[in-house]
């Protein structure tokens, strides 16, 4: 008896979209993790816990990933989020600070719930966004990397 398989394209495009484009909160969480890594590297360098070459190499690696994550925010209507390597636009920082302040107002349990919904790609995670809109939010960078 011959084996037959039925192929259907129903839902495949939507599944690919979910796999390629993570929820907005997931992009923010990735950016937050990298911002914290860069802050930690800068603190370690200032305390002489790591040398200049280590700081430069490790921060460059994190910045490379951060640039990619920040560039992905274009799909959230952020125009030119990255100007150049490690140089992020005021629009990106407005969006980042908007999310960051929102996360600071949540309990660890609420953050855990949001992370779980995002990881599981539950559509209702998009209902858990900060109030208002980021476009008029402050554009202060979350970090500055300066070698002294």
N, C-alpha and C. Protein backbone atom coordinates (compact mmCIF):
# COMPACT_ATOMS: atom_id res chain seq x y z
N UNK A 1 0.84 -1.16 0.00
CA UNK A 1 0.00 0.00 0.00
C UNK A 1 0.89 1.24 0.00
N UNK A 2 0.61 2.16 -0.90
CA UNK A 2 1.42 3.37 -1.03
C UNK A 2 1.10 4.34 0.10
N UNK A 3 2.18 5.00 0.56
CA UNK A 3 1.98 6.02 1.59
C UNK A 3 1.61 7.33 0.91
N UNK A 4 0.65 7.99 1.47
CA UNK A 4 0.28 9.31 0.96
C UNK A 4 0.32 10.30 2.10
N UNK A 5 0.68 11.50 1.75
CA UNK A 5 0.69 12.57 2.76
C UNK A 5 -0.06 13.74 2.20
N UNK A 6 -0.79 14.36 3.03
CA UNK A 6 -1.51 15.56 2.62
C UNK A 6 -0.73 16.77 3.08
N UNK A 7 -0.52 17.70 2.15
CA UNK A 7 0.19 18.91 2.49
C UNK A 7 -0.77 20.08 2.45
N UNK A 8 -0.65 20.91 3.43
CA UNK A 8 -1.49 22.09 3.49
C UNK A 8 -0.65 23.29 3.86
N UNK A 9 -0.89 24.39 3.19
CA UNK A 9 -0.18 25.62 3.51
C UNK A 9 -0.91 26.43 4.57
N UNK A 10 -2.05 25.93 5.02
CA UNK A 10 -2.84 26.66 5.99
C UNK A 10 -2.04 26.85 7.28
N UNK A 11 -1.84 28.10 7.66
CA UNK A 11 -1.16 28.40 8.91
C UNK A 11 0.35 28.43 8.83
N UNK A 12 0.93 27.97 7.74
CA UNK A 12 2.39 27.91 7.65
C UNK A 12 2.99 29.30 7.63
N UNK A 13 2.44 30.19 6.82
CA UNK A 13 2.98 31.55 6.76
C UNK A 13 2.87 32.24 8.10
N UNK A 14 1.77 32.06 8.80
CA UNK A 14 1.60 32.67 10.11
C UNK A 14 2.63 32.08 11.08
N UNK A 15 2.85 30.77 11.04
CA UNK A 15 3.84 30.15 11.92
C UNK A 15 5.23 30.70 11.64
N UNK A 16 5.59 30.87 10.36
CA UNK A 16 6.89 31.42 10.02
C UNK A 16 7.04 32.84 10.55
N UNK A 17 5.98 33.62 10.45
CA UNK A 17 6.00 35.00 10.94
C UNK A 17 6.25 35.03 12.45
N UNK A 18 5.62 34.14 13.18
CA UNK A 18 5.80 34.08 14.63
C UNK A 18 7.23 33.68 14.97
N UNK A 19 7.80 32.76 14.21
CA UNK A 19 9.16 32.31 14.48
C UNK A 19 10.19 33.38 14.12
N UNK A 20 9.96 34.12 13.06
CA UNK A 20 10.91 35.12 12.61
C UNK A 20 10.78 36.41 13.40
N UNK A 21 9.58 36.82 13.70
CA UNK A 21 9.33 38.09 14.36
C UNK A 21 8.81 37.89 15.77
N UNK A 22 9.70 37.92 16.74
CA UNK A 22 9.24 37.74 18.12
C UNK A 22 8.37 38.91 18.55
N UNK A 23 7.59 38.73 19.60
CA UNK A 23 6.76 39.83 20.11
C UNK A 23 7.63 41.02 20.52
N UNK A 24 7.03 42.19 20.50
CA UNK A 24 7.75 43.43 20.83
C UNK A 24 8.44 43.34 22.20
N UNK A 25 7.76 42.79 23.18
CA UNK A 25 8.34 42.70 24.52
C UNK A 25 9.59 41.82 24.52
N UNK A 26 9.63 40.81 23.67
CA UNK A 26 10.81 39.95 23.58
C UNK A 26 12.01 40.73 23.05
N UNK A 27 11.78 41.58 22.08
CA UNK A 27 12.87 42.41 21.55
C UNK A 27 13.36 43.35 22.65
N UNK A 28 12.42 43.95 23.39
CA UNK A 28 12.83 44.83 24.49
C UNK A 28 13.66 44.06 25.51
N UNK A 29 13.21 42.88 25.91
CA UNK A 29 13.93 42.10 26.92
C UNK A 29 15.34 41.79 26.44
N UNK A 30 15.49 41.43 25.17
CA UNK A 30 16.83 41.20 24.62
C UNK A 30 17.69 42.45 24.72
N UNK A 31 17.11 43.60 24.37
CA UNK A 31 17.84 44.87 24.45
C UNK A 31 18.21 45.20 25.89
N UNK A 32 17.30 44.95 26.82
CA UNK A 32 17.55 45.23 28.23
C UNK A 32 18.70 44.37 28.75
N UNK A 33 18.69 43.11 28.40
CA UNK A 33 19.76 42.21 28.84
C UNK A 33 21.11 42.73 28.34
N UNK A 34 21.16 43.13 27.07
CA UNK A 34 22.43 43.62 26.53
C UNK A 34 22.83 44.97 27.12
N UNK A 35 21.88 45.84 27.39
CA UNK A 35 22.19 47.12 28.04
C UNK A 35 22.79 46.85 29.42
N UNK A 36 22.22 45.90 30.13
CA UNK A 36 22.75 45.55 31.45
C UNK A 36 24.14 44.92 31.36
N UNK A 37 24.37 44.12 30.33
CA UNK A 37 25.71 43.55 30.13
C UNK A 37 26.73 44.66 29.87
N UNK A 38 26.36 45.64 29.05
CA UNK A 38 27.27 46.74 28.77
C UNK A 38 27.54 47.59 30.01
N UNK A 39 26.51 47.82 30.80
CA UNK A 39 26.70 48.56 32.06
C UNK A 39 27.65 47.79 32.99
N UNK A 40 27.48 46.49 33.05
CA UNK A 40 28.35 45.66 33.88
C UNK A 40 29.79 45.68 33.41
N UNK A 41 29.99 45.63 32.10
CA UNK A 41 31.34 45.70 31.57
C UNK A 41 31.99 47.04 31.89
N UNK A 42 31.21 48.11 31.76
CA UNK A 42 31.76 49.43 32.06
C UNK A 42 32.13 49.54 33.54
N UNK A 43 31.29 49.04 34.43
CA UNK A 43 31.60 49.06 35.87
C UNK A 43 32.87 48.27 36.15
N UNK A 44 32.98 47.08 35.53
CA UNK A 44 34.16 46.25 35.75
C UNK A 44 35.42 46.95 35.24
N UNK A 45 35.33 47.63 34.13
CA UNK A 45 36.48 48.35 33.60
C UNK A 45 36.88 49.50 34.52
N UNK A 46 35.89 50.26 34.99
CA UNK A 46 36.17 51.40 35.88
C UNK A 46 36.77 50.96 37.21
N UNK A 47 36.41 49.75 37.65
CA UNK A 47 36.96 49.22 38.91
C UNK A 47 38.27 48.47 38.66
N UNK A 48 38.75 48.47 37.44
CA UNK A 48 39.98 47.78 37.04
C UNK A 48 39.88 46.27 37.23
N UNK A 49 38.66 45.72 37.13
CA UNK A 49 38.47 44.28 37.21
C UNK A 49 38.74 43.61 35.87
N UNK A 50 38.64 44.39 34.80
CA UNK A 50 39.02 43.92 33.46
C UNK A 50 39.88 45.00 32.82
N UNK A 51 40.75 44.58 31.90
CA UNK A 51 41.62 45.56 31.24
C UNK A 51 40.94 46.17 30.02
N UNK A 52 41.57 47.15 29.44
CA UNK A 52 41.02 47.89 28.30
C UNK A 52 40.71 46.97 27.11
N UNK A 53 41.63 46.05 26.81
CA UNK A 53 41.41 45.16 25.66
C UNK A 53 40.21 44.24 25.89
N UNK A 54 40.09 43.70 27.09
CA UNK A 54 38.94 42.84 27.41
C UNK A 54 37.65 43.63 27.32
N UNK A 55 37.68 44.83 27.89
CA UNK A 55 36.49 45.69 27.83
C UNK A 55 36.10 45.97 26.38
N UNK A 56 37.07 46.35 25.56
CA UNK A 56 36.79 46.67 24.17
C UNK A 56 36.27 45.46 23.42
N UNK A 57 36.90 44.31 23.60
CA UNK A 57 36.48 43.10 22.89
C UNK A 57 35.08 42.64 23.31
N UNK A 58 34.85 42.59 24.61
CA UNK A 58 33.56 42.10 25.09
C UNK A 58 32.44 43.08 24.81
N UNK A 59 32.70 44.37 24.97
CA UNK A 59 31.65 45.35 24.70
C UNK A 59 31.34 45.40 23.20
N UNK A 60 32.34 45.23 22.36
CA UNK A 60 32.10 45.21 20.92
C UNK A 60 31.23 44.02 20.52
N UNK A 61 31.45 42.87 21.14
CA UNK A 61 30.64 41.69 20.84
C UNK A 61 29.18 41.92 21.27
N UNK A 62 28.99 42.50 22.45
CA UNK A 62 27.63 42.78 22.92
C UNK A 62 26.99 43.84 22.03
N UNK A 63 27.74 44.88 21.68
CA UNK A 63 27.19 45.94 20.83
C UNK A 63 26.78 45.42 19.46
N UNK A 64 27.51 44.45 18.94
CA UNK A 64 27.15 43.87 17.66
C UNK A 64 25.76 43.23 17.73
N UNK A 65 25.51 42.48 18.80
CA UNK A 65 24.20 41.86 18.98
C UNK A 65 23.13 42.92 19.29
N UNK A 66 23.52 43.93 20.06
CA UNK A 66 22.59 45.01 20.41
C UNK A 66 22.17 45.75 19.14
N UNK A 67 23.10 46.03 18.26
CA UNK A 67 22.76 46.69 16.99
C UNK A 67 21.71 45.90 16.22
N UNK A 68 21.87 44.59 16.18
CA UNK A 68 20.91 43.74 15.46
C UNK A 68 19.54 43.80 16.11
N UNK A 69 19.50 43.74 17.44
CA UNK A 69 18.22 43.79 18.14
C UNK A 69 17.56 45.16 17.96
N UNK A 70 18.35 46.22 18.08
CA UNK A 70 17.81 47.57 17.92
C UNK A 70 17.29 47.77 16.49
N UNK A 71 18.00 47.25 15.52
CA UNK A 71 17.56 47.37 14.12
C UNK A 71 16.21 46.68 13.91
N UNK A 72 15.97 45.61 14.67
CA UNK A 72 14.70 44.88 14.55
C UNK A 72 13.51 45.71 15.02
N UNK A 73 13.76 46.80 15.73
CA UNK A 73 12.65 47.62 16.22
C UNK A 73 12.03 48.46 15.12
N UNK A 74 12.61 48.46 13.95
CA UNK A 74 12.00 49.18 12.82
C UNK A 74 10.58 48.69 12.56
N UNK A 75 10.34 47.44 12.83
CA UNK A 75 8.99 46.92 12.59
C UNK A 75 7.98 47.43 13.60
N UNK A 76 8.44 48.14 14.62
CA UNK A 76 7.54 48.78 15.58
C UNK A 76 7.44 50.27 15.28
N UNK A 77 7.73 50.64 14.04
CA UNK A 77 7.65 52.02 13.55
C UNK A 77 8.73 52.94 14.10
N UNK A 78 9.85 52.39 14.50
CA UNK A 78 10.98 53.20 14.92
C UNK A 78 11.85 53.43 13.69
N UNK A 79 11.97 54.69 13.30
CA UNK A 79 12.71 55.02 12.08
C UNK A 79 14.19 55.11 12.41
N UNK A 80 15.00 54.44 11.62
CA UNK A 80 16.45 54.42 11.78
C UNK A 80 16.88 54.26 13.24
N UNK A 81 16.60 53.13 13.86
CA UNK A 81 16.96 52.95 15.26
C UNK A 81 18.47 52.96 15.52
N UNK A 82 19.25 52.58 14.50
CA UNK A 82 20.70 52.53 14.65
C UNK A 82 21.33 53.45 13.60
N UNK A 83 22.08 54.44 14.09
CA UNK A 83 22.78 55.35 13.16
C UNK A 83 24.06 54.73 12.65
N UNK A 84 24.80 54.16 13.55
CA UNK A 84 26.11 53.58 13.25
C UNK A 84 26.40 52.56 14.35
N UNK A 85 27.47 51.84 14.25
CA UNK A 85 27.80 50.82 15.24
C UNK A 85 27.81 51.43 16.64
N UNK A 86 26.88 50.97 17.49
CA UNK A 86 26.80 51.45 18.86
C UNK A 86 26.18 52.82 19.04
N UNK A 87 25.66 53.39 17.97
CA UNK A 87 25.01 54.70 18.05
C UNK A 87 23.53 54.53 17.71
N UNK A 88 22.71 54.67 18.74
CA UNK A 88 21.28 54.43 18.60
C UNK A 88 20.53 55.75 18.55
N UNK A 89 19.46 55.76 17.80
CA UNK A 89 18.70 56.99 17.58
C UNK A 89 17.91 57.40 18.82
N UNK A 90 17.54 58.67 18.91
CA UNK A 90 16.66 59.11 19.99
C UNK A 90 15.33 58.35 19.97
N UNK A 91 14.87 57.97 18.78
CA UNK A 91 13.61 57.21 18.68
C UNK A 91 13.75 55.85 19.35
N UNK A 92 14.90 55.20 19.12
CA UNK A 92 15.12 53.91 19.77
C UNK A 92 15.13 54.08 21.28
N UNK A 93 15.85 55.11 21.77
CA UNK A 93 15.93 55.30 23.22
C UNK A 93 14.58 55.66 23.83
N UNK A 94 13.75 56.38 23.10
CA UNK A 94 12.40 56.67 23.60
C UNK A 94 11.63 55.37 23.81
N UNK A 95 11.68 54.53 22.79
CA UNK A 95 11.01 53.23 22.86
C UNK A 95 11.59 52.40 24.01
N UNK A 96 12.90 52.32 24.13
CA UNK A 96 13.56 51.54 25.17
C UNK A 96 13.18 52.05 26.56
N UNK A 97 13.26 53.35 26.78
CA UNK A 97 12.95 53.93 28.09
C UNK A 97 11.47 53.73 28.46
N UNK A 98 10.61 53.82 27.45
CA UNK A 98 9.18 53.58 27.64
C UNK A 98 8.95 52.20 28.21
N UNK A 99 9.55 51.19 27.58
CA UNK A 99 9.43 49.81 28.07
C UNK A 99 10.14 49.64 29.41
N UNK A 100 11.34 50.21 29.54
CA UNK A 100 12.13 50.03 30.75
C UNK A 100 11.41 50.58 31.98
N UNK A 101 10.85 51.77 31.87
CA UNK A 101 10.10 52.34 32.99
C UNK A 101 8.88 51.49 33.33
N UNK A 102 8.23 50.98 32.31
CA UNK A 102 7.08 50.10 32.52
C UNK A 102 7.51 48.86 33.30
N UNK A 103 8.61 48.24 32.89
CA UNK A 103 9.08 47.04 33.58
C UNK A 103 9.46 47.34 35.02
N UNK A 104 10.03 48.51 35.26
CA UNK A 104 10.39 48.89 36.63
C UNK A 104 9.16 49.02 37.53
N UNK A 105 8.01 49.29 36.93
CA UNK A 105 6.78 49.45 37.72
C UNK A 105 6.09 48.11 38.01
N UNK A 106 6.56 47.04 37.42
CA UNK A 106 5.94 45.73 37.59
C UNK A 106 6.60 44.93 38.70
N UNK A 107 5.87 43.98 39.22
CA UNK A 107 6.44 43.05 40.21
C UNK A 107 7.22 41.97 39.45
N UNK A 108 8.13 41.29 40.14
CA UNK A 108 8.83 40.17 39.48
C UNK A 108 7.86 39.13 38.92
N UNK A 109 6.77 38.88 39.61
CA UNK A 109 5.79 37.90 39.13
C UNK A 109 5.15 38.37 37.82
N UNK A 110 4.79 39.67 37.75
CA UNK A 110 4.19 40.20 36.52
C UNK A 110 5.18 40.11 35.35
N UNK A 111 6.43 40.42 35.63
CA UNK A 111 7.45 40.33 34.58
C UNK A 111 7.60 38.88 34.13
N UNK A 112 7.61 37.96 35.08
CA UNK A 112 7.69 36.54 34.75
C UNK A 112 6.52 36.08 33.89
N UNK A 113 5.33 36.57 34.20
CA UNK A 113 4.15 36.22 33.41
C UNK A 113 4.29 36.74 31.97
N UNK A 114 4.75 37.97 31.84
CA UNK A 114 4.93 38.55 30.50
C UNK A 114 5.99 37.77 29.73
N UNK A 115 7.08 37.43 30.38
CA UNK A 115 8.13 36.65 29.71
C UNK A 115 7.60 35.30 29.25
N UNK A 116 6.81 34.67 30.10
CA UNK A 116 6.24 33.36 29.74
C UNK A 116 5.32 33.48 28.53
N UNK A 117 4.43 34.49 28.55
CA UNK A 117 3.53 34.69 27.42
C UNK A 117 4.30 34.96 26.14
N UNK A 118 5.36 35.74 26.24
CA UNK A 118 6.17 36.05 25.06
C UNK A 118 6.88 34.79 24.56
N UNK A 119 7.45 34.03 25.48
CA UNK A 119 8.17 32.80 25.11
C UNK A 119 7.24 31.81 24.44
N UNK A 120 6.01 31.73 24.94
CA UNK A 120 5.02 30.81 24.39
C UNK A 120 4.29 31.39 23.19
N UNK A 121 4.61 32.63 22.85
CA UNK A 121 4.02 33.34 21.70
C UNK A 121 2.51 33.44 21.82
N UNK A 122 2.02 33.70 23.02
CA UNK A 122 0.59 33.89 23.25
C UNK A 122 0.23 35.29 22.77
N UNK A 123 -0.78 35.38 21.92
CA UNK A 123 -1.14 36.66 21.30
C UNK A 123 -1.47 37.74 22.33
N UNK A 124 -2.01 37.35 23.47
CA UNK A 124 -2.40 38.35 24.47
C UNK A 124 -1.20 39.06 25.10
N UNK A 125 0.00 38.61 24.83
CA UNK A 125 1.18 39.32 25.35
C UNK A 125 1.22 40.75 24.82
N UNK A 126 0.65 40.96 23.65
CA UNK A 126 0.62 42.31 23.07
C UNK A 126 -0.32 43.24 23.82
N UNK A 127 -1.18 42.68 24.67
CA UNK A 127 -2.05 43.50 25.51
C UNK A 127 -1.31 44.02 26.74
N UNK A 128 -0.13 43.52 26.98
CA UNK A 128 0.65 43.88 28.16
C UNK A 128 1.74 44.87 27.79
N UNK A 129 1.35 45.93 27.15
CA UNK A 129 2.30 46.97 26.74
C UNK A 129 2.15 48.17 27.66
N UNK A 130 3.18 49.02 27.71
CA UNK A 130 3.06 50.24 28.51
C UNK A 130 1.93 51.13 27.99
N UNK A 131 1.44 51.99 28.86
CA UNK A 131 0.37 52.93 28.47
C UNK A 131 0.94 54.04 27.58
N UNK A 132 0.06 54.74 26.94
CA UNK A 132 0.41 55.88 26.08
C UNK A 132 1.26 55.41 24.89
N UNK A 133 2.18 56.25 24.47
CA UNK A 133 3.02 55.94 23.32
C UNK A 133 4.43 56.43 23.56
N UNK A 134 5.40 55.73 23.02
CA UNK A 134 6.80 56.05 23.25
C UNK A 134 7.28 57.30 22.51
N UNK A 135 6.56 57.75 21.49
CA UNK A 135 7.08 58.78 20.59
C UNK A 135 7.44 60.09 21.31
N UNK A 136 6.78 60.40 22.41
CA UNK A 136 7.08 61.63 23.16
C UNK A 136 7.84 61.35 24.46
N UNK A 137 8.36 60.14 24.57
CA UNK A 137 9.06 59.75 25.78
C UNK A 137 10.48 60.31 25.78
N UNK A 138 11.15 60.28 26.92
CA UNK A 138 12.52 60.81 27.00
C UNK A 138 13.47 59.94 26.16
N UNK A 139 14.49 60.57 25.63
CA UNK A 139 15.41 59.86 24.74
C UNK A 139 16.81 59.71 25.33
N UNK A 140 16.91 59.70 26.64
CA UNK A 140 18.18 59.55 27.32
C UNK A 140 18.73 58.14 27.08
N UNK A 141 19.97 58.02 26.61
CA UNK A 141 20.56 56.69 26.41
C UNK A 141 20.66 55.93 27.73
N UNK A 142 20.49 54.63 27.66
CA UNK A 142 20.55 53.77 28.84
C UNK A 142 21.99 53.55 29.30
N UNK A 143 22.95 53.83 28.44
CA UNK A 143 24.36 53.66 28.80
C UNK A 143 25.20 54.51 27.86
N UNK A 144 26.40 54.80 28.32
CA UNK A 144 27.42 55.42 27.48
C UNK A 144 28.72 54.68 27.76
N UNK A 145 29.39 54.32 26.72
CA UNK A 145 30.65 53.59 26.89
C UNK A 145 31.80 54.54 26.56
N UNK A 146 32.58 54.84 27.58
CA UNK A 146 33.69 55.77 27.40
C UNK A 146 34.94 55.11 27.97
N UNK A 147 35.95 55.02 27.14
CA UNK A 147 37.25 54.53 27.61
C UNK A 147 38.04 55.72 28.12
N UNK A 148 38.46 55.65 29.37
CA UNK A 148 39.24 56.75 29.94
C UNK A 148 40.67 56.35 30.12
